[in-house]
Amino acid sequence: MQAASKSMHVLQVGDIVLTAPDDIEAHVLSYFQSIFSVDNNCATNNIVARMIPVLVTEVDNDMLCHLPLSDEIKSAIFYLNGNGTPGPDGFGGHFYHSFWDIIATDVVNFVQEFFYYRCFSAEC
């Protein structure tokens, strides 16, 4: 499959009409260089800090970021509606409730590893 392309044969710049391919190329190149190579004079304005209120306190943040304990994970699992729609894994709350004794260690390890590697690693 070949890429489609169109050639520009004429370009009007103000009162001047460019027809030579080199002139058109030079003008287009100059135009885009001028708009994309402007100095970016960014200044710190703290607009985010001023406009968005702080809703999560330091204590709340610490609580949200701690590694969940197995009892907390079990409590969250048993909060699922047993008759609810299955999740992305294809299993609904009833599965987790019925087979908790068998899957508990795997589920707890998975959740804790997620928190540890996604929330506490140096990459975040």
N, C-alpha and C. Protein backbone atom coordinates (compact mmCIF):
# COMPACT_ATOMS: atom_id res chain seq x y z
N MET A 1 0.84 -1.18 0.00
CA MET A 1 0.00 0.00 0.00
C MET A 1 0.88 1.24 0.00
N GLN A 2 0.61 2.15 -0.88
CA GLN A 2 1.41 3.35 -1.00
C GLN A 2 0.70 4.50 -0.31
N ALA A 3 1.48 5.33 0.42
CA ALA A 3 0.91 6.48 1.11
C ALA A 3 0.45 7.52 0.09
N ALA A 4 -0.67 8.15 0.37
CA ALA A 4 -1.19 9.19 -0.50
C ALA A 4 -0.41 10.48 -0.25
N SER A 5 -0.20 11.22 -1.30
CA SER A 5 0.47 12.51 -1.13
C SER A 5 -0.06 13.49 -2.17
N LYS A 6 -0.02 14.75 -1.82
CA LYS A 6 -0.45 15.82 -2.71
C LYS A 6 0.67 16.85 -2.77
N SER A 7 0.90 17.37 -3.93
CA SER A 7 1.91 18.41 -4.10
C SER A 7 1.25 19.77 -4.11
N MET A 8 1.94 20.75 -3.57
CA MET A 8 1.45 22.11 -3.59
C MET A 8 2.17 22.82 -4.74
N HIS A 9 1.41 23.26 -5.71
CA HIS A 9 2.01 23.87 -6.90
C HIS A 9 1.99 25.39 -6.84
N VAL A 10 1.07 25.95 -6.07
CA VAL A 10 0.94 27.40 -5.97
C VAL A 10 0.64 27.75 -4.53
N LEU A 11 1.28 28.83 -4.04
CA LEU A 11 1.02 29.30 -2.67
C LEU A 11 1.02 30.82 -2.71
N GLN A 12 -0.09 31.39 -2.25
CA GLN A 12 -0.18 32.85 -2.21
C GLN A 12 0.16 33.31 -0.81
N VAL A 13 1.14 34.22 -0.73
CA VAL A 13 1.58 34.79 0.54
C VAL A 13 1.35 36.29 0.44
N GLY A 14 0.24 36.74 1.02
CA GLY A 14 -0.11 38.15 0.86
C GLY A 14 -0.41 38.42 -0.60
N ASP A 15 0.33 39.39 -1.20
CA ASP A 15 0.14 39.71 -2.62
C ASP A 15 1.07 38.92 -3.53
N ILE A 16 1.96 38.13 -2.95
CA ILE A 16 2.95 37.39 -3.72
C ILE A 16 2.45 35.97 -3.98
N VAL A 17 2.64 35.50 -5.20
CA VAL A 17 2.27 34.13 -5.56
C VAL A 17 3.56 33.35 -5.80
N LEU A 18 3.72 32.29 -5.00
CA LEU A 18 4.90 31.44 -5.15
C LEU A 18 4.54 30.24 -6.00
N THR A 19 5.37 29.96 -7.04
CA THR A 19 5.11 28.81 -7.90
C THR A 19 6.31 27.87 -7.96
N ALA A 20 7.47 28.35 -7.65
CA ALA A 20 8.67 27.50 -7.68
C ALA A 20 8.66 26.58 -6.45
N PRO A 21 8.85 25.28 -6.64
CA PRO A 21 8.83 24.34 -5.51
C PRO A 21 9.81 24.73 -4.40
N ASP A 22 10.99 25.22 -4.74
CA ASP A 22 11.96 25.62 -3.71
C ASP A 22 11.46 26.81 -2.91
N ASP A 23 10.78 27.77 -3.56
CA ASP A 23 10.24 28.93 -2.86
C ASP A 23 9.10 28.52 -1.92
N ILE A 24 8.23 27.64 -2.39
CA ILE A 24 7.13 27.14 -1.55
C ILE A 24 7.69 26.40 -0.35
N GLU A 25 8.65 25.54 -0.61
CA GLU A 25 9.27 24.77 0.48
C GLU A 25 9.92 25.70 1.51
N ALA A 26 10.66 26.69 1.05
CA ALA A 26 11.34 27.62 1.95
C ALA A 26 10.34 28.40 2.79
N HIS A 27 9.24 28.85 2.16
CA HIS A 27 8.23 29.61 2.90
C HIS A 27 7.55 28.74 3.96
N VAL A 28 7.14 27.54 3.58
CA VAL A 28 6.46 26.64 4.53
C VAL A 28 7.39 26.28 5.68
N LEU A 29 8.62 25.95 5.37
CA LEU A 29 9.60 25.62 6.40
C LEU A 29 9.81 26.80 7.34
N SER A 30 9.98 27.98 6.79
CA SER A 30 10.18 29.19 7.61
C SER A 30 8.98 29.45 8.51
N TYR A 31 7.77 29.28 7.96
CA TYR A 31 6.56 29.52 8.72
C TYR A 31 6.48 28.60 9.94
N PHE A 32 6.66 27.30 9.72
CA PHE A 32 6.55 26.36 10.83
C PHE A 32 7.71 26.48 11.81
N GLN A 33 8.89 26.80 11.32
CA GLN A 33 10.00 27.03 12.26
C GLN A 33 9.72 28.23 13.14
N SER A 34 9.11 29.25 12.59
CA SER A 34 8.84 30.45 13.39
C SER A 34 7.78 30.21 14.46
N ILE A 35 6.78 29.38 14.17
CA ILE A 35 5.74 29.17 15.18
C ILE A 35 6.10 28.08 16.20
N PHE A 36 7.00 27.16 15.81
CA PHE A 36 7.35 26.09 16.73
C PHE A 36 8.69 26.27 17.43
N SER A 37 9.40 27.32 17.12
CA SER A 37 10.69 27.51 17.78
C SER A 37 10.71 28.77 18.62
N VAL A 38 9.55 29.21 19.06
CA VAL A 38 9.46 30.38 19.92
C VAL A 38 9.94 30.00 21.32
N ASP A 39 10.68 30.91 21.96
CA ASP A 39 11.11 30.66 23.33
C ASP A 39 9.90 30.47 24.22
N ASN A 40 9.96 29.47 25.05
CA ASN A 40 8.88 29.16 25.97
C ASN A 40 9.21 29.78 27.32
N ASN A 41 8.70 30.95 27.53
CA ASN A 41 8.97 31.67 28.77
C ASN A 41 7.89 31.34 29.79
N CYS A 42 8.04 30.19 30.41
CA CYS A 42 7.08 29.77 31.43
C CYS A 42 7.51 30.30 32.79
N ALA A 43 6.57 30.75 33.52
CA ALA A 43 6.85 31.23 34.87
C ALA A 43 5.97 30.46 35.84
N THR A 44 6.48 30.23 37.01
CA THR A 44 5.69 29.56 38.03
C THR A 44 4.61 30.51 38.49
N ASN A 45 3.37 30.05 38.44
CA ASN A 45 2.28 30.92 38.85
C ASN A 45 1.42 30.30 39.96
N ASN A 46 1.69 29.06 40.32
CA ASN A 46 0.97 28.37 41.40
C ASN A 46 -0.54 28.38 41.20
N ILE A 47 -1.00 28.41 39.95
CA ILE A 47 -2.44 28.47 39.70
C ILE A 47 -3.15 27.23 40.22
N VAL A 48 -2.52 26.08 40.12
CA VAL A 48 -3.16 24.85 40.61
C VAL A 48 -3.35 24.94 42.12
N ALA A 49 -2.31 25.33 42.82
CA ALA A 49 -2.40 25.44 44.28
C ALA A 49 -3.42 26.49 44.71
N ARG A 50 -3.54 27.55 43.93
CA ARG A 50 -4.48 28.63 44.29
C ARG A 50 -5.92 28.29 43.95
N MET A 51 -6.14 27.57 42.84
CA MET A 51 -7.49 27.37 42.34
C MET A 51 -8.15 26.06 42.80
N ILE A 52 -7.35 25.04 43.07
CA ILE A 52 -7.92 23.75 43.46
C ILE A 52 -7.74 23.59 44.96
N PRO A 53 -8.84 23.48 45.68
CA PRO A 53 -8.72 23.36 47.14
C PRO A 53 -8.10 22.03 47.55
N VAL A 54 -7.43 22.04 48.67
CA VAL A 54 -6.85 20.82 49.21
C VAL A 54 -7.96 20.07 49.93
N LEU A 55 -8.34 18.94 49.38
CA LEU A 55 -9.43 18.16 49.96
C LEU A 55 -8.92 16.94 50.72
N VAL A 56 -7.70 16.50 50.43
CA VAL A 56 -7.13 15.35 51.10
C VAL A 56 -6.05 15.85 52.04
N THR A 57 -6.27 15.62 53.32
CA THR A 57 -5.29 16.05 54.31
C THR A 57 -4.09 15.11 54.30
N GLU A 58 -3.03 15.50 54.96
CA GLU A 58 -1.83 14.66 55.04
C GLU A 58 -2.17 13.33 55.73
N VAL A 59 -3.01 13.38 56.75
CA VAL A 59 -3.42 12.16 57.46
C VAL A 59 -4.23 11.26 56.53
N ASP A 60 -5.17 11.85 55.78
CA ASP A 60 -5.96 11.08 54.82
C ASP A 60 -5.05 10.43 53.78
N ASN A 61 -4.10 11.19 53.27
CA ASN A 61 -3.20 10.68 52.25
C ASN A 61 -2.38 9.51 52.78
N ASP A 62 -1.87 9.63 54.00
CA ASP A 62 -1.11 8.53 54.60
C ASP A 62 -1.97 7.28 54.72
N MET A 63 -3.23 7.46 55.12
CA MET A 63 -4.15 6.32 55.26
C MET A 63 -4.43 5.68 53.90
N LEU A 64 -4.60 6.50 52.86
CA LEU A 64 -4.89 5.98 51.53
C LEU A 64 -3.70 5.25 50.91
N CYS A 65 -2.50 5.61 51.34
CA CYS A 65 -1.29 5.05 50.74
C CYS A 65 -0.69 3.88 51.52
N HIS A 66 -1.25 3.53 52.66
CA HIS A 66 -0.65 2.43 53.41
C HIS A 66 -0.95 1.09 52.74
N LEU A 67 -0.07 0.13 52.97
CA LEU A 67 -0.24 -1.21 52.43
C LEU A 67 -1.44 -1.85 53.11
N PRO A 68 -2.45 -2.28 52.35
CA PRO A 68 -3.65 -2.84 52.98
C PRO A 68 -3.35 -4.18 53.66
N LEU A 69 -3.94 -4.37 54.82
CA LEU A 69 -3.79 -5.61 55.56
C LEU A 69 -4.77 -6.66 55.01
N SER A 70 -4.49 -7.92 55.31
CA SER A 70 -5.34 -9.00 54.77
C SER A 70 -6.78 -8.86 55.24
N ASP A 71 -7.01 -8.41 56.47
CA ASP A 71 -8.38 -8.23 56.95
C ASP A 71 -9.11 -7.13 56.18
N GLU A 72 -8.38 -6.06 55.80
CA GLU A 72 -8.98 -4.99 55.02
C GLU A 72 -9.36 -5.49 53.62
N ILE A 73 -8.50 -6.29 53.05
CA ILE A 73 -8.76 -6.83 51.71
C ILE A 73 -9.96 -7.77 51.75
N LYS A 74 -10.00 -8.63 52.76
CA LYS A 74 -11.14 -9.56 52.90
C LYS A 74 -12.43 -8.78 53.09
N SER A 75 -12.39 -7.74 53.91
CA SER A 75 -13.58 -6.92 54.14
C SER A 75 -14.07 -6.29 52.84
N ALA A 76 -13.14 -5.81 52.01
CA ALA A 76 -13.52 -5.21 50.73
C ALA A 76 -14.12 -6.27 49.80
N ILE A 77 -13.55 -7.46 49.80
CA ILE A 77 -14.06 -8.55 48.95
C ILE A 77 -15.47 -8.94 49.38
N PHE A 78 -15.69 -9.03 50.68
CA PHE A 78 -17.00 -9.45 51.15
C PHE A 78 -18.04 -8.33 51.09
N TYR A 79 -17.58 -7.12 50.78
CA TYR A 79 -18.50 -6.01 50.54
C TYR A 79 -19.11 -6.11 49.15
N LEU A 80 -18.46 -6.88 48.25
CA LEU A 80 -18.99 -7.07 46.90
C LEU A 80 -20.36 -7.73 46.96
N ASN A 81 -21.24 -7.32 46.07
CA ASN A 81 -22.56 -7.93 45.98
C ASN A 81 -22.39 -9.33 45.39
N GLY A 82 -22.83 -10.33 46.12
CA GLY A 82 -22.71 -11.71 45.66
C GLY A 82 -23.43 -11.98 44.36
N ASN A 83 -24.48 -11.23 44.09
CA ASN A 83 -25.26 -11.42 42.86
C ASN A 83 -24.95 -10.34 41.81
N GLY A 84 -23.91 -9.59 42.05
CA GLY A 84 -23.58 -8.49 41.14
C GLY A 84 -22.95 -8.98 39.85
N THR A 85 -22.79 -8.06 38.95
CA THR A 85 -22.18 -8.34 37.65
C THR A 85 -20.72 -8.72 37.83
N PRO A 86 -20.24 -9.72 37.10
CA PRO A 86 -18.83 -10.10 37.20
C PRO A 86 -17.92 -8.93 36.83
N GLY A 87 -16.74 -8.93 37.43
CA GLY A 87 -15.75 -7.90 37.13
C GLY A 87 -14.98 -8.23 35.87
N PRO A 88 -13.91 -7.47 35.61
CA PRO A 88 -13.11 -7.69 34.40
C PRO A 88 -12.49 -9.08 34.35
N ASP A 89 -12.32 -9.71 35.52
CA ASP A 89 -11.74 -11.05 35.56
C ASP A 89 -12.78 -12.13 35.25
N GLY A 90 -14.05 -11.74 35.11
CA GLY A 90 -15.11 -12.69 34.80
C GLY A 90 -15.76 -13.31 36.03
N PHE A 91 -15.27 -12.95 37.21
CA PHE A 91 -15.82 -13.52 38.44
C PHE A 91 -16.60 -12.46 39.20
N GLY A 92 -17.75 -12.87 39.72
CA GLY A 92 -18.57 -11.97 40.53
C GLY A 92 -18.28 -12.17 42.01
N GLY A 93 -18.93 -11.38 42.82
CA GLY A 93 -18.75 -11.46 44.26
C GLY A 93 -19.02 -12.84 44.84
N HIS A 94 -20.00 -13.55 44.28
CA HIS A 94 -20.35 -14.88 44.78
C HIS A 94 -19.16 -15.83 44.72
N PHE A 95 -18.40 -15.77 43.62
CA PHE A 95 -17.21 -16.62 43.49
C PHE A 95 -16.23 -16.35 44.62
N TYR A 96 -15.92 -15.06 44.82
CA TYR A 96 -14.95 -14.71 45.86
C TYR A 96 -15.46 -15.10 47.25
N HIS A 97 -16.75 -14.91 47.51
CA HIS A 97 -17.31 -15.28 48.81
C HIS A 97 -17.25 -16.80 49.01
N SER A 98 -17.63 -17.54 47.99
CA SER A 98 -17.72 -19.00 48.10
C SER A 98 -16.36 -19.68 48.22
N PHE A 99 -15.38 -19.15 47.55
CA PHE A 99 -14.07 -19.82 47.49
C PHE A 99 -12.97 -19.06 48.23
N TRP A 100 -13.37 -18.16 49.14
CA TRP A 100 -12.38 -17.33 49.84
C TRP A 100 -11.30 -18.18 50.53
N ASP A 101 -11.68 -19.27 51.16
CA ASP A 101 -10.70 -20.11 51.85
C ASP A 101 -9.62 -20.63 50.90
N ILE A 102 -9.96 -20.83 49.65
CA ILE A 102 -9.01 -21.36 48.68
C ILE A 102 -8.18 -20.25 48.04
N ILE A 103 -8.80 -19.12 47.75
CA ILE A 103 -8.13 -18.06 46.98
C ILE A 103 -7.59 -16.92 47.83
N ALA A 104 -7.85 -16.92 49.12
CA ALA A 104 -7.51 -15.78 49.98
C ALA A 104 -6.04 -15.38 49.87
N THR A 105 -5.14 -16.35 49.98
CA THR A 105 -3.70 -16.03 49.96
C THR A 105 -3.31 -15.39 48.64
N ASP A 106 -3.79 -15.93 47.52
CA ASP A 106 -3.46 -15.37 46.21
C ASP A 106 -4.03 -13.96 46.03
N VAL A 107 -5.27 -13.77 46.45
CA VAL A 107 -5.90 -12.45 46.29
C VAL A 107 -5.18 -11.42 47.16
N VAL A 108 -4.92 -11.77 48.42
CA VAL A 108 -4.24 -10.83 49.32
C VAL A 108 -2.85 -10.50 48.78
N ASN A 109 -2.10 -11.51 48.34
CA ASN A 109 -0.77 -11.26 47.79
C ASN A 109 -0.83 -10.37 46.56
N PHE A 110 -1.79 -10.62 45.69
CA PHE A 110 -1.93 -9.81 44.48
C PHE A 110 -2.20 -8.35 44.83
N VAL A 111 -3.16 -8.12 45.71
CA VAL A 111 -3.53 -6.75 46.08
C VAL A 111 -2.35 -6.05 46.76
N GLN A 112 -1.68 -6.73 47.68
CA GLN A 112 -0.56 -6.12 48.37
C GLN A 112 0.60 -5.84 47.42
N GLU A 113 0.86 -6.75 46.49
CA GLU A 113 1.92 -6.51 45.50
C GLU A 113 1.57 -5.31 44.62
N PHE A 114 0.30 -5.19 44.26
CA PHE A 114 -0.11 -4.03 43.47
C PHE A 114 0.20 -2.74 44.21
N PHE A 115 -0.22 -2.68 45.47
CA PHE A 115 0.04 -1.47 46.25
C PHE A 115 1.54 -1.25 46.43
N TYR A 116 2.26 -2.29 46.70
CA TYR A 116 3.70 -2.14 46.96
C TYR A 116 4.43 -1.65 45.72
N TYR A 117 4.21 -2.31 44.59
CA TYR A 117 4.97 -1.96 43.39
C TYR A 117 4.44 -0.73 42.67
N ARG A 118 3.14 -0.45 42.78
CA ARG A 118 2.57 0.71 42.09
C ARG A 118 2.55 1.96 42.97
N CYS A 119 2.47 1.79 44.26
CA CYS A 119 2.32 2.96 45.13
C CYS A 119 3.58 3.28 45.93
N PHE A 120 4.43 2.30 46.16
CA PHE A 120 5.56 2.54 47.05
C PHE A 120 6.91 2.43 46.36
N SER A 121 6.92 2.05 45.10
CA SER A 121 8.22 1.90 44.43
C SER A 121 8.75 3.28 44.05
N ALA A 122 10.01 3.32 43.72
CA ALA A 122 10.68 4.58 43.38
C ALA A 122 10.16 5.15 42.07
N GLU A 123 9.47 4.33 41.24
CA GLU A 123 8.98 4.78 39.95
C GLU A 123 7.79 5.74 40.07
N CYS A 124 7.09 5.69 41.19
CA CYS A 124 5.88 6.51 41.32
C CYS A 124 6.20 7.87 41.88
